[in-house]
C-alpha atoms as a PDB file:
ATOM      1  CA  MET A   1       0.000   0.000   0.000  1.00  0.00           C
ATOM      2  CA  GLY A   2       1.419   3.383  -0.972  1.00  0.00           C
ATOM      3  CA  LEU A   3       1.990   6.242   1.390  1.00  0.00           C
ATOM      4  CA  ALA A   4      -0.737   8.397  -0.165  1.00  0.00           C
ATOM      5  CA  LYS A   5      -3.299   5.606   0.115  1.00  0.00           C
ATOM      6  CA  GLN A   6      -2.350   4.971   3.733  1.00  0.00           C
ATOM      7  CA  SER A   7      -2.644   8.685   4.558  1.00  0.00           C
ATOM      8  CA  THR A   8      -6.052   8.910   2.907  1.00  0.00           C
ATOM      9  CA  THR A   9      -7.301   5.883   4.814  1.00  0.00           C
ATOM     10  CA  GLN A  10      -6.026   7.268   8.105  1.00  0.00           C
ATOM     11  CA  ALA A  11      -7.556  10.662   7.333  1.00  0.00           C
ATOM     12  CA  ARG A  12     -10.975   9.071   6.743  1.00  0.00           C
ATOM     13  CA  GLN A  13     -10.723   7.123  10.000  1.00  0.00           C
ATOM     14  CA  MET A  14      -9.764  10.246  11.923  1.00  0.00           C
ATOM     15  CA  LEU A  15     -12.590  12.179  10.251  1.00  0.00           C
ATOM     16  CA  GLU A  16     -15.138   9.568  11.345  1.00  0.00           C
ATOM     17  CA  ALA A  17     -13.843   9.714  14.912  1.00  0.00           C
ATOM     18  CA  ASP A  18     -14.052  13.522  14.832  1.00  0.00           C
ATOM     19  CA  ARG A  19     -17.596  13.382  13.429  1.00  0.00           C
ATOM     20  CA  GLY A  20     -18.713  11.265  16.351  1.00  0.00           C
ATOM     21  CA  LEU A  21     -17.164  13.663  18.830  1.00  0.00           C
ATOM     22  CA  ALA A  22     -18.455  16.783  17.032  1.00  0.00           C
ATOM     23  CA  GLU A  23     -22.027  15.471  17.150  1.00  0.00           C
ATOM     24  CA  LYS A  24     -21.843  15.478  20.958  1.00  0.00           C
ATOM     25  CA  LEU A  25     -20.965  19.196  21.122  1.00  0.00           C
ATOM     26  CA  PRO A  26     -24.469  20.546  21.958  1.00  0.00           C
ATOM     27  CA  GLU A  27     -24.955  18.114  24.844  1.00  0.00           C
ATOM     28  CA  LEU A  28     -21.424  18.821  26.087  1.00  0.00           C
ATOM     29  CA  LEU A  29     -22.141  22.559  26.070  1.00  0.00           C
ATOM     30  CA  ARG A  30     -25.260  21.872  28.149  1.00  0.00           C
ATOM     31  CA  ALA A  31     -23.114  19.851  30.556  1.00  0.00           C
ATOM     32  CA  VAL A  32     -20.740  22.824  30.867  1.00  0.00           C
ATOM     33  CA  ALA A  33     -23.647  25.140  31.671  1.00  0.00           C
ATOM     34  CA  GLU A  34     -24.988  22.708  34.277  1.00  0.00           C
ATOM     35  CA  ALA A  35     -21.566  22.265  35.903  1.00  0.00           C
ATOM     36  CA  GLU A  36     -21.058  26.022  35.948  1.00  0.00           C
ATOM     37  CA  ALA A  37     -24.473  26.561  37.556  1.00  0.00           C
ATOM     38  CA  ALA A  38     -23.741  23.878  40.162  1.00  0.00           C
ATOM     39  CA  LEU A  39     -20.426  25.514  41.059  1.00  0.00           C
ATOM     40  CA  GLU A  40     -22.015  28.952  41.291  1.00  0.00           C
ATOM     41  CA  GLN A  41     -24.808  27.584  43.464  1.00  0.00           C
ATOM     42  CA  ALA A  42     -22.288  25.949  45.801  1.00  0.00           C
ATOM     43  CA  ARG A  43     -20.437  29.255  46.090  1.00  0.00           C
ATOM     44  CA  GLU A  44     -23.660  31.102  46.926  1.00  0.00           C
ATOM     45  CA  TRP A  45     -24.495  28.567  49.643  1.00  0.00           C
ATOM     46  CA  ASN A  46     -20.985  28.840  51.124  1.00  0.00           C
ATOM     47  CA  ALA A  47     -20.376  25.137  50.593  1.00  0.00           C
ATOM     48  CA  PRO A  48     -17.348  23.460  52.182  1.00  0.00           C
ATOM     49  CA  VAL A  49     -14.006  23.746  50.413  1.00  0.00           C
ATOM     50  CA  GLU A  50     -14.032  20.069  49.433  1.00  0.00           C
ATOM     51  CA  GLU A  51     -17.356  20.423  47.635  1.00  0.00           C
ATOM     52  CA  LEU A  52     -16.206  23.567  45.825  1.00  0.00           C
ATOM     53  CA  HIS A  53     -13.098  21.690  44.733  1.00  0.00           C
ATOM     54  CA  GLU A  54     -15.131  18.722  43.459  1.00  0.00           C
ATOM     55  CA  ARG A  55     -17.508  20.952  41.505  1.00  0.00           C
ATOM     56  CA  GLY A  56     -14.588  22.943  40.099  1.00  0.00           C
ATOM     57  CA  VAL A  57     -12.914  19.758  38.882  1.00  0.00           C
ATOM     58  CA  ALA A  58     -16.222  18.631  37.357  1.00  0.00           C
ATOM     59  CA  LEU A  59     -16.503  21.930  35.480  1.00  0.00           C
ATOM     60  CA  ASP A  60     -12.915  21.550  34.277  1.00  0.00           C
ATOM     61  CA  GLY A  61     -13.710  18.107  32.889  1.00  0.00           C
ATOM     62  CA  ALA A  62     -16.857  19.377  31.165  1.00  0.00           C
ATOM     63  CA  LEU A  63     -14.955  22.294  29.613  1.00  0.00           C
ATOM     64  CA  THR A  64     -12.212  19.966  28.406  1.00  0.00           C
ATOM     65  CA  GLU A  65     -14.634  17.570  26.704  1.00  0.00           C
ATOM     66  CA  ALA A  66     -16.582  20.429  25.098  1.00  0.00           C
ATOM     67  CA  MET A  67     -13.357  22.022  23.848  1.00  0.00           C
ATOM     68  CA  ARG A  68     -12.213  18.745  22.290  1.00  0.00           C
ATOM     69  CA  ALA A  69     -15.581  18.354  20.571  1.00  0.00           C
ATOM     70  CA  ALA A  70     -15.420  21.937  19.273  1.00  0.00           C
ATOM     71  CA  TYR A  71     -11.972  21.370  17.749  1.00  0.00           C
ATOM     72  CA  ALA A  72     -13.271  18.103  16.265  1.00  0.00           C
ATOM     73  CA  ARG A  73     -16.134  20.080  14.686  1.00  0.00           C
ATOM     74  CA  GLU A  74     -13.576  22.439  13.178  1.00  0.00           C
ATOM     75  CA  ARG A  75     -11.666  19.507  11.665  1.00  0.00           C
ATOM     76  CA  VAL A  76     -14.891  18.012  10.302  1.00  0.00           C
ATOM     77  CA  LEU A  77     -15.746  21.301   8.607  1.00  0.00           C
ATOM     78  CA  VAL A  78     -12.274  21.424   7.041  1.00  0.00           C
ATOM     79  CA  GLY A  79     -12.776  17.945   5.600  1.00  0.00           C
ATOM     80  CA  PRO A  80     -10.677  14.804   5.113  1.00  0.00           C
ATOM     81  CA  LYS A  81      -8.131  16.461   2.866  1.00  0.00           C
ATOM     82  CA  GLY A  82      -7.254  18.825   5.711  1.00  0.00           C
ATOM     83  CA  TYR A  83      -5.672  15.942   7.634  1.00  0.00           C
ATOM     84  CA  VAL A  84      -3.204  15.322   4.811  1.00  0.00           C
ATOM     85  CA  ASP A  85      -2.652  18.651   3.039  1.00  0.00           C
ATOM     86  CA  ARG A  86      -1.651  21.549   5.284  1.00  0.00           C
ATOM     87  CA  ILE A  87      -2.115  24.171   2.535  1.00  0.00           C
ATOM     88  CA  TYR A  88      -5.653  22.966   1.870  1.00  0.00           C
ATOM     89  CA  ARG A  89      -6.305  23.062   5.629  1.00  0.00           C
ATOM     90  CA  ARG A  90      -5.080  26.653   5.919  1.00  0.00           C
ATOM     91  CA  LYS A  91      -7.338  27.731   3.044  1.00  0.00           C
ATOM     92  CA  ARG A  92     -10.362  25.994   4.562  1.00  0.00           C
ATOM     93  CA  LEU A  93      -9.692  27.570   7.964  1.00  0.00           C
ATOM     94  CA  ALA A  94     -10.385  30.962   6.381  1.00  0.00           C
ATOM     95  CA  ARG A  95     -13.983  30.032   5.472  1.00  0.00           C
ATOM     96  CA  PRO A  96     -16.635  31.773   7.636  1.00  0.00           C
ATOM     97  CA  GLU A  97     -18.256  28.606   9.030  1.00  0.00           C
ATOM     98  CA  VAL A  98     -14.862  27.149   9.957  1.00  0.00           C
ATOM     99  CA  ARG A  99     -13.755  30.437  11.492  1.00  0.00           C
ATOM    100  CA  GLU A 100     -16.900  30.454  13.626  1.00  0.00           C
ATOM    101  CA  ALA A 101     -16.189  26.899  14.811  1.00  0.00           C
ATOM    102  CA  THR A 102     -12.609  27.911  15.609  1.00  0.00           C
ATOM    103  CA  GLN A 103     -13.834  30.855  17.676  1.00  0.00           C
ATOM    104  CA  VAL A 104     -16.137  28.593  19.701  1.00  0.00           C
ATOM    105  CA  ALA A 105     -13.276  26.166  20.348  1.00  0.00           C
ATOM    106  CA  GLU A 106     -10.884  28.945  21.337  1.00  0.00           C
ATOM    107  CA  ARG A 107     -13.457  30.505  23.680  1.00  0.00           C
ATOM    108  CA  LEU A 108     -13.856  27.144  25.387  1.00  0.00           C
ATOM    109  CA  LEU A 109     -10.068  26.757  25.611  1.00  0.00           C
ATOM    110  CA  THR A 110      -9.744  30.212  27.162  1.00  0.00           C
ATOM    111  CA  ALA A 111     -12.564  29.514  29.607  1.00  0.00           C
ATOM    112  CA  ARG A 112     -10.942  26.243  30.640  1.00  0.00           C
ATOM    113  CA  GLU A 113      -7.537  27.823  31.180  1.00  0.00           C
ATOM    114  CA  THR A 114      -9.031  30.726  33.141  1.00  0.00           C
ATOM    115  CA  HIS A 115     -10.995  28.282  35.253  1.00  0.00           C
ATOM    116  CA  ARG A 116      -7.889  26.200  35.902  1.00  0.00           C
ATOM    117  CA  LEU A 117      -5.987  29.289  37.032  1.00  0.00           C
ATOM    118  CA  HIS A 118      -8.669  30.951  39.162  1.00  0.00           C
ATOM    119  CA  GLY A 119     -11.777  28.773  39.477  1.00  0.00           C
ATOM    120  CA  ILE A 120     -10.765  25.519  41.129  1.00  0.00           C
ATOM    121  CA  GLN A 121     -10.797  25.873  44.889  1.00  0.00           C
ATOM    122  CA  ARG A 122      -7.637  24.563  46.511  1.00  0.00           C
ATOM    123  CA  VAL A 123      -8.082  22.119  49.357  1.00  0.00           C
ATOM    124  CA  PRO A 124      -5.656  22.569  52.261  1.00  0.00           C
ATOM    125  CA  ARG A 125      -3.445  19.614  53.053  1.00  0.00           C
ATOM    126  CA  ARG A 126      -4.185  17.675  56.165  1.00  0.00           C
ATOM    127  CA  VAL A 127      -1.458  17.080  58.720  1.00  0.00           C
ATOM    128  CA  ALA A 128      -0.913  13.347  59.236  1.00  0.00           C
END
């Protein structure tokens, strides 16, 4: 099997995997909203530090999964040739619908990084 054929086959397999992940994006965004609301509610109720930490970690996980799905959606919009040909990929990234998908993914990435820096409550170590 030639290199080009192998690359095309791998690109199609990766595209199918990305399609499956991209289809989950709306439900993952709902999960992010629910996790964010749960964390905010715990803060309003002055919940214990351990609970705030758990809810912060849950929000981090939800943001991570949603971000991965958003980048998968971007790759799906670029198409299978984008996995193999970097010039084709760059041209497709300039299309409005792909740019919009990229913006969603980057907003989720920024939200996740901001949350990791400032949103996860630290739990003090216990003395043994």
